[in-house]
């Protein structure tokens, strides 16, 4: 398990790098993400949330545990869902957030084999939330004005806000190749 980075950490606002090496290091990352997500517990976890700039995320929805590497959102439905959404990097905050009801994501598994995730409802919400993380977008960015204002106030007042950001040395070539 790895500590989860919290709101305010710059890595959460940085677009993650494409994975180019489908090797044992990637499999260790997927395992660590899964273990950390399950221990939290959470519905999903993206690599930047544990300080790794790599386009990888895991999910756990209704007992279905999975992961995607280099995911691309191929389509979303026009039909939307409005439900509470939270984030392990913004602990204790859960607010209504509108997301598409269905989505299709294409990418790879940890062995480099192509995969497609056709998701609806909660899984669609999780996939879209985690892909947002890989693009440096947080769910609070998706909120309407009044809801975002209330969420930001709750973040500022939380006991974990304004904690020092951990400093980690990173290879100039990134975690998965040049």
C-alpha atoms as a PDB file:
ATOM      1  CA  UNK A   1       0.000   0.000   0.000  1.00  0.00           C
ATOM      2  CA  UNK A   2       1.077   3.511  -0.789  1.00  0.00           C
ATOM      3  CA  UNK A   3      -0.114   6.779   0.791  1.00  0.00           C
ATOM      4  CA  UNK A   4      -2.790   8.559  -1.252  1.00  0.00           C
ATOM      5  CA  UNK A   5      -1.964  12.087  -2.383  1.00  0.00           C
ATOM      6  CA  UNK A   6      -4.439  14.720  -1.245  1.00  0.00           C
ATOM      7  CA  UNK A   7      -6.077  17.727  -2.888  1.00  0.00           C
ATOM      8  CA  UNK A   8      -3.452  20.418  -3.373  1.00  0.00           C
ATOM      9  CA  UNK A   9      -0.689  18.053  -4.476  1.00  0.00           C
ATOM     10  CA  UNK A  10       0.444  19.263  -7.939  1.00  0.00           C
ATOM     11  CA  UNK A  11       0.607  15.718  -9.379  1.00  0.00           C
ATOM     12  CA  UNK A  12      -3.199  15.588  -9.149  1.00  0.00           C
ATOM     13  CA  UNK A  13      -3.380  18.487 -11.621  1.00  0.00           C
ATOM     14  CA  UNK A  14      -0.814  17.097 -14.079  1.00  0.00           C
ATOM     15  CA  UNK A  15      -1.636  14.965 -17.115  1.00  0.00           C
ATOM     16  CA  UNK A  16      -0.191  11.475 -16.586  1.00  0.00           C
ATOM     17  CA  UNK A  17       2.302   9.949 -19.018  1.00  0.00           C
ATOM     18  CA  UNK A  18       1.481   7.114 -21.413  1.00  0.00           C
ATOM     19  CA  UNK A  19       2.730   3.719 -20.347  1.00  0.00           C
ATOM     20  CA  UNK A  20       5.210   2.374 -22.924  1.00  0.00           C
ATOM     21  CA  UNK A  21       6.621  -0.656 -21.096  1.00  0.00           C
ATOM     22  CA  UNK A  22       4.247  -3.464 -20.133  1.00  0.00           C
ATOM     23  CA  UNK A  23       6.684  -5.071 -17.728  1.00  0.00           C
ATOM     24  CA  UNK A  24       6.973  -6.314 -14.178  1.00  0.00           C
ATOM     25  CA  UNK A  25       7.150  -2.734 -12.854  1.00  0.00           C
ATOM     26  CA  UNK A  26       3.745  -2.027 -14.389  1.00  0.00           C
ATOM     27  CA  UNK A  27       2.310  -5.194 -12.846  1.00  0.00           C
ATOM     28  CA  UNK A  28       3.685  -4.095  -9.448  1.00  0.00           C
ATOM     29  CA  UNK A  29       2.005  -0.706  -9.922  1.00  0.00           C
ATOM     30  CA  UNK A  30      -1.354  -2.333 -10.771  1.00  0.00           C
ATOM     31  CA  UNK A  31      -1.035  -4.573  -7.706  1.00  0.00           C
ATOM     32  CA  UNK A  32      -0.154  -1.625  -5.454  1.00  0.00           C
ATOM     33  CA  UNK A  33      -3.021   0.470  -6.839  1.00  0.00           C
ATOM     34  CA  UNK A  34      -5.449  -2.395  -6.266  1.00  0.00           C
ATOM     35  CA  UNK A  35      -4.236  -3.072  -2.716  1.00  0.00           C
ATOM     36  CA  UNK A  36      -4.295   0.628  -1.815  1.00  0.00           C
ATOM     37  CA  UNK A  37      -7.782   1.096  -3.342  1.00  0.00           C
ATOM     38  CA  UNK A  38      -9.208  -1.908  -1.477  1.00  0.00           C
ATOM     39  CA  UNK A  39      -7.628  -0.873   1.836  1.00  0.00           C
ATOM     40  CA  UNK A  40      -8.902   2.722   1.598  1.00  0.00           C
ATOM     41  CA  UNK A  41     -11.634   1.481   0.697  1.00  0.00           C
ATOM     42  CA  UNK A  42     -12.499   3.104  -2.612  1.00  0.00           C
ATOM     43  CA  UNK A  43     -14.316   2.521  -5.885  1.00  0.00           C
ATOM     44  CA  UNK A  44     -11.277   3.461  -7.961  1.00  0.00           C
ATOM     45  CA  UNK A  45      -7.732   4.762  -7.801  1.00  0.00           C
ATOM     46  CA  UNK A  46      -5.509   6.336 -10.447  1.00  0.00           C
ATOM     47  CA  UNK A  47      -1.714   6.181 -10.469  1.00  0.00           C
ATOM     48  CA  UNK A  48      -1.261   9.949  -9.929  1.00  0.00           C
ATOM     49  CA  UNK A  49      -3.151   9.562  -6.646  1.00  0.00           C
ATOM     50  CA  UNK A  50      -0.207   7.564  -5.314  1.00  0.00           C
ATOM     51  CA  UNK A  51       2.364   9.893  -6.875  1.00  0.00           C
ATOM     52  CA  UNK A  52       3.034   8.017 -10.130  1.00  0.00           C
ATOM     53  CA  UNK A  53       2.645   9.827 -13.450  1.00  0.00           C
ATOM     54  CA  UNK A  54       1.314   6.898 -15.476  1.00  0.00           C
ATOM     55  CA  UNK A  55      -1.988   6.411 -17.303  1.00  0.00           C
ATOM     56  CA  UNK A  56      -3.196   3.531 -15.136  1.00  0.00           C
ATOM     57  CA  UNK A  57      -6.211   3.103 -12.873  1.00  0.00           C
ATOM     58  CA  UNK A  58      -7.995   0.396 -10.929  1.00  0.00           C
ATOM     59  CA  UNK A  59     -11.651   0.033  -9.994  1.00  0.00           C
ATOM     60  CA  UNK A  60     -13.837  -1.977  -7.629  1.00  0.00           C
ATOM     61  CA  UNK A  61     -17.539  -1.708  -8.407  1.00  0.00           C
ATOM     62  CA  UNK A  62     -20.013  -4.190  -6.957  1.00  0.00           C
ATOM     63  CA  UNK A  63     -17.205  -6.679  -6.362  1.00  0.00           C
ATOM     64  CA  UNK A  64     -15.862  -6.362  -9.922  1.00  0.00           C
ATOM     65  CA  UNK A  65     -12.177  -5.488  -9.616  1.00  0.00           C
ATOM     66  CA  UNK A  66     -10.343  -4.368 -12.727  1.00  0.00           C
ATOM     67  CA  UNK A  67      -7.767  -2.020 -14.174  1.00  0.00           C
ATOM     68  CA  UNK A  68      -6.972  -0.140 -17.359  1.00  0.00           C
ATOM     69  CA  UNK A  69      -3.699   1.064 -18.834  1.00  0.00           C
ATOM     70  CA  UNK A  70      -3.662   3.993 -21.292  1.00  0.00           C
ATOM     71  CA  UNK A  71      -7.479   4.257 -21.303  1.00  0.00           C
ATOM     72  CA  UNK A  72      -9.265   6.345 -23.900  1.00  0.00           C
ATOM     73  CA  UNK A  73     -12.926   7.280 -23.585  1.00  0.00           C
ATOM     74  CA  UNK A  74     -14.402   6.213 -26.907  1.00  0.00           C
ATOM     75  CA  UNK A  75     -17.992   7.268 -26.299  1.00  0.00           C
ATOM     76  CA  UNK A  76     -20.398   8.515 -23.662  1.00  0.00           C
ATOM     77  CA  UNK A  77     -24.175   8.509 -23.588  1.00  0.00           C
ATOM     78  CA  UNK A  78     -26.301  11.626 -23.795  1.00  0.00           C
ATOM     79  CA  UNK A  79     -28.339  10.255 -20.896  1.00  0.00           C
ATOM     80  CA  UNK A  80     -26.958  11.443 -17.557  1.00  0.00           C
ATOM     81  CA  UNK A  81     -26.983  10.333 -13.950  1.00  0.00           C
ATOM     82  CA  UNK A  82     -26.914  12.587 -10.916  1.00  0.00           C
ATOM     83  CA  UNK A  83     -25.482  11.016  -7.811  1.00  0.00           C
ATOM     84  CA  UNK A  84     -23.056  11.648  -5.008  1.00  0.00           C
ATOM     85  CA  UNK A  85     -19.412  11.399  -5.919  1.00  0.00           C
ATOM     86  CA  UNK A  86     -16.354  11.416  -3.718  1.00  0.00           C
ATOM     87  CA  UNK A  87     -12.620  10.919  -4.119  1.00  0.00           C
ATOM     88  CA  UNK A  88      -9.895   9.272  -2.057  1.00  0.00           C
ATOM     89  CA  UNK A  89      -7.755  12.384  -2.673  1.00  0.00           C
ATOM     90  CA  UNK A  90     -10.518  14.569  -1.200  1.00  0.00           C
ATOM     91  CA  UNK A  91     -11.486  12.500   1.859  1.00  0.00           C
ATOM     92  CA  UNK A  92     -14.802  13.071   3.587  1.00  0.00           C
ATOM     93  CA  UNK A  93     -16.335  15.097   0.757  1.00  0.00           C
ATOM     94  CA  UNK A  94     -19.232  13.591  -1.209  1.00  0.00           C
ATOM     95  CA  UNK A  95     -21.484  15.791  -3.324  1.00  0.00           C
ATOM     96  CA  UNK A  96     -23.905  15.444  -6.255  1.00  0.00           C
ATOM     97  CA  UNK A  97     -22.083  15.295  -9.596  1.00  0.00           C
ATOM     98  CA  UNK A  98     -23.656  14.791 -13.014  1.00  0.00           C
ATOM     99  CA  UNK A  99     -21.973  12.189 -15.239  1.00  0.00           C
ATOM    100  CA  UNK A 100     -22.989  10.299 -18.380  1.00  0.00           C
ATOM    101  CA  UNK A 101     -25.041   7.165 -17.660  1.00  0.00           C
ATOM    102  CA  UNK A 102     -22.902   4.985 -19.955  1.00  0.00           C
ATOM    103  CA  UNK A 103     -19.419   5.066 -21.407  1.00  0.00           C
ATOM    104  CA  UNK A 104     -17.036   2.915 -23.394  1.00  0.00           C
ATOM    105  CA  UNK A 105     -13.329   2.988 -22.627  1.00  0.00           C
ATOM    106  CA  UNK A 106     -10.632   1.235 -24.632  1.00  0.00           C
ATOM    107  CA  UNK A 107      -7.130   0.546 -23.414  1.00  0.00           C
ATOM    108  CA  UNK A 108      -4.894  -2.288 -22.312  1.00  0.00           C
ATOM    109  CA  UNK A 109      -4.471  -4.638 -19.404  1.00  0.00           C
ATOM    110  CA  UNK A 110      -1.212  -4.922 -17.486  1.00  0.00           C
ATOM    111  CA  UNK A 111       0.142  -7.395 -20.064  1.00  0.00           C
ATOM    112  CA  UNK A 112      -0.448  -5.067 -23.028  1.00  0.00           C
ATOM    113  CA  UNK A 113      -3.518  -6.921 -24.298  1.00  0.00           C
ATOM    114  CA  UNK A 114      -6.313  -4.681 -25.651  1.00  0.00           C
ATOM    115  CA  UNK A 115      -9.429  -4.394 -23.486  1.00  0.00           C
ATOM    116  CA  UNK A 116     -12.778  -2.637 -23.760  1.00  0.00           C
ATOM    117  CA  UNK A 117     -14.877  -1.616 -20.767  1.00  0.00           C
ATOM    118  CA  UNK A 118     -18.539  -0.968 -21.572  1.00  0.00           C
ATOM    119  CA  UNK A 119     -19.752   0.667 -18.387  1.00  0.00           C
ATOM    120  CA  UNK A 120     -23.018   1.990 -17.098  1.00  0.00           C
ATOM    121  CA  UNK A 121     -24.202   3.672 -13.931  1.00  0.00           C
ATOM    122  CA  UNK A 122     -21.679   3.356 -11.075  1.00  0.00           C
ATOM    123  CA  UNK A 123     -18.963   1.745 -13.205  1.00  0.00           C
ATOM    124  CA  UNK A 124     -19.372   4.501 -15.831  1.00  0.00           C
ATOM    125  CA  UNK A 125     -19.022   7.110 -13.084  1.00  0.00           C
ATOM    126  CA  UNK A 126     -15.869   5.391 -11.765  1.00  0.00           C
ATOM    127  CA  UNK A 127     -14.231   5.003 -15.194  1.00  0.00           C
ATOM    128  CA  UNK A 128     -14.892   8.644 -16.108  1.00  0.00           C
ATOM    129  CA  UNK A 129     -13.704   9.832 -12.672  1.00  0.00           C
ATOM    130  CA  UNK A 130     -10.433   7.882 -12.951  1.00  0.00           C
ATOM    131  CA  UNK A 131      -9.737   8.938 -16.551  1.00  0.00           C
ATOM    132  CA  UNK A 132     -10.265  12.522 -15.373  1.00  0.00           C
ATOM    133  CA  UNK A 133      -7.512  11.917 -12.777  1.00  0.00           C
ATOM    134  CA  UNK A 134      -5.183  10.810 -15.571  1.00  0.00           C
ATOM    135  CA  UNK A 135      -5.885  14.132 -17.315  1.00  0.00           C
ATOM    136  CA  UNK A 136      -5.280  16.226 -14.188  1.00  0.00           C
ATOM    137  CA  UNK A 137      -9.002  16.871 -13.649  1.00  0.00           C
ATOM    138  CA  UNK A 138     -10.732  16.415 -10.277  1.00  0.00           C
ATOM    139  CA  UNK A 139     -14.423  15.738  -9.803  1.00  0.00           C
ATOM    140  CA  UNK A 140     -14.870  19.125  -8.109  1.00  0.00           C
ATOM    141  CA  UNK A 141     -14.046  20.660 -11.524  1.00  0.00           C
ATOM    142  CA  UNK A 142     -17.217  18.993 -12.892  1.00  0.00           C
ATOM    143  CA  UNK A 143     -19.584  20.499 -10.321  1.00  0.00           C
ATOM    144  CA  UNK A 144     -22.053  23.301 -10.936  1.00  0.00           C
ATOM    145  CA  UNK A 145     -21.184  26.680  -9.377  1.00  0.00           C
ATOM    146  CA  UNK A 146     -23.042  26.481  -6.039  1.00  0.00           C
ATOM    147  CA  UNK A 147     -22.099  22.828  -5.444  1.00  0.00           C
ATOM    148  CA  UNK A 148     -18.442  23.519  -6.277  1.00  0.00           C
ATOM    149  CA  UNK A 149     -18.416  26.513  -3.928  1.00  0.00           C
ATOM    150  CA  UNK A 150     -19.817  24.379  -1.085  1.00  0.00           C
ATOM    151  CA  UNK A 151     -17.360  21.540  -1.821  1.00  0.00           C
ATOM    152  CA  UNK A 152     -14.377  23.912  -1.859  1.00  0.00           C
ATOM    153  CA  UNK A 153     -15.507  25.406   1.467  1.00  0.00           C
ATOM    154  CA  UNK A 154     -15.725  21.899   2.959  1.00  0.00           C
ATOM    155  CA  UNK A 155     -12.232  21.108   1.627  1.00  0.00           C
ATOM    156  CA  UNK A 156     -10.769  24.277   3.156  1.00  0.00           C
ATOM    157  CA  UNK A 157     -12.375  23.428   6.511  1.00  0.00           C
ATOM    158  CA  UNK A 158     -11.312  19.766   6.520  1.00  0.00           C
ATOM    159  CA  UNK A 159      -8.716  18.582   9.029  1.00  0.00           C
ATOM    160  CA  UNK A 160      -6.441  17.275   6.252  1.00  0.00           C
ATOM    161  CA  UNK A 161      -6.352  20.551   4.269  1.00  0.00           C
ATOM    162  CA  UNK A 162      -3.088  22.486   4.083  1.00  0.00           C
ATOM    163  CA  UNK A 163      -0.959  19.518   5.116  1.00  0.00           C
ATOM    164  CA  UNK A 164       2.586  19.513   3.697  1.00  0.00           C
ATOM    165  CA  UNK A 165       2.890  17.785   0.334  1.00  0.00           C
ATOM    166  CA  UNK A 166       5.232  14.782   0.443  1.00  0.00           C
ATOM    167  CA  UNK A 167       8.406  15.224  -1.590  1.00  0.00           C
ATOM    168  CA  UNK A 168       9.383  12.257  -3.742  1.00  0.00           C
ATOM    169  CA  UNK A 169      12.331  11.999  -6.115  1.00  0.00           C
ATOM    170  CA  UNK A 170      11.260  10.871  -9.598  1.00  0.00           C
ATOM    171  CA  UNK A 171      13.396   9.703 -12.496  1.00  0.00           C
ATOM    172  CA  UNK A 172      13.598  12.311 -15.286  1.00  0.00           C
ATOM    173  CA  UNK A 173      12.513   9.556 -17.688  1.00  0.00           C
ATOM    174  CA  UNK A 174       9.316   8.770 -15.787  1.00  0.00           C
ATOM    175  CA  UNK A 175       8.353   5.462 -14.261  1.00  0.00           C
ATOM    176  CA  UNK A 176       7.791   3.491 -17.457  1.00  0.00           C
ATOM    177  CA  UNK A 177      10.439   4.411 -20.000  1.00  0.00           C
ATOM    178  CA  UNK A 178      11.530   7.535 -21.810  1.00  0.00           C
END
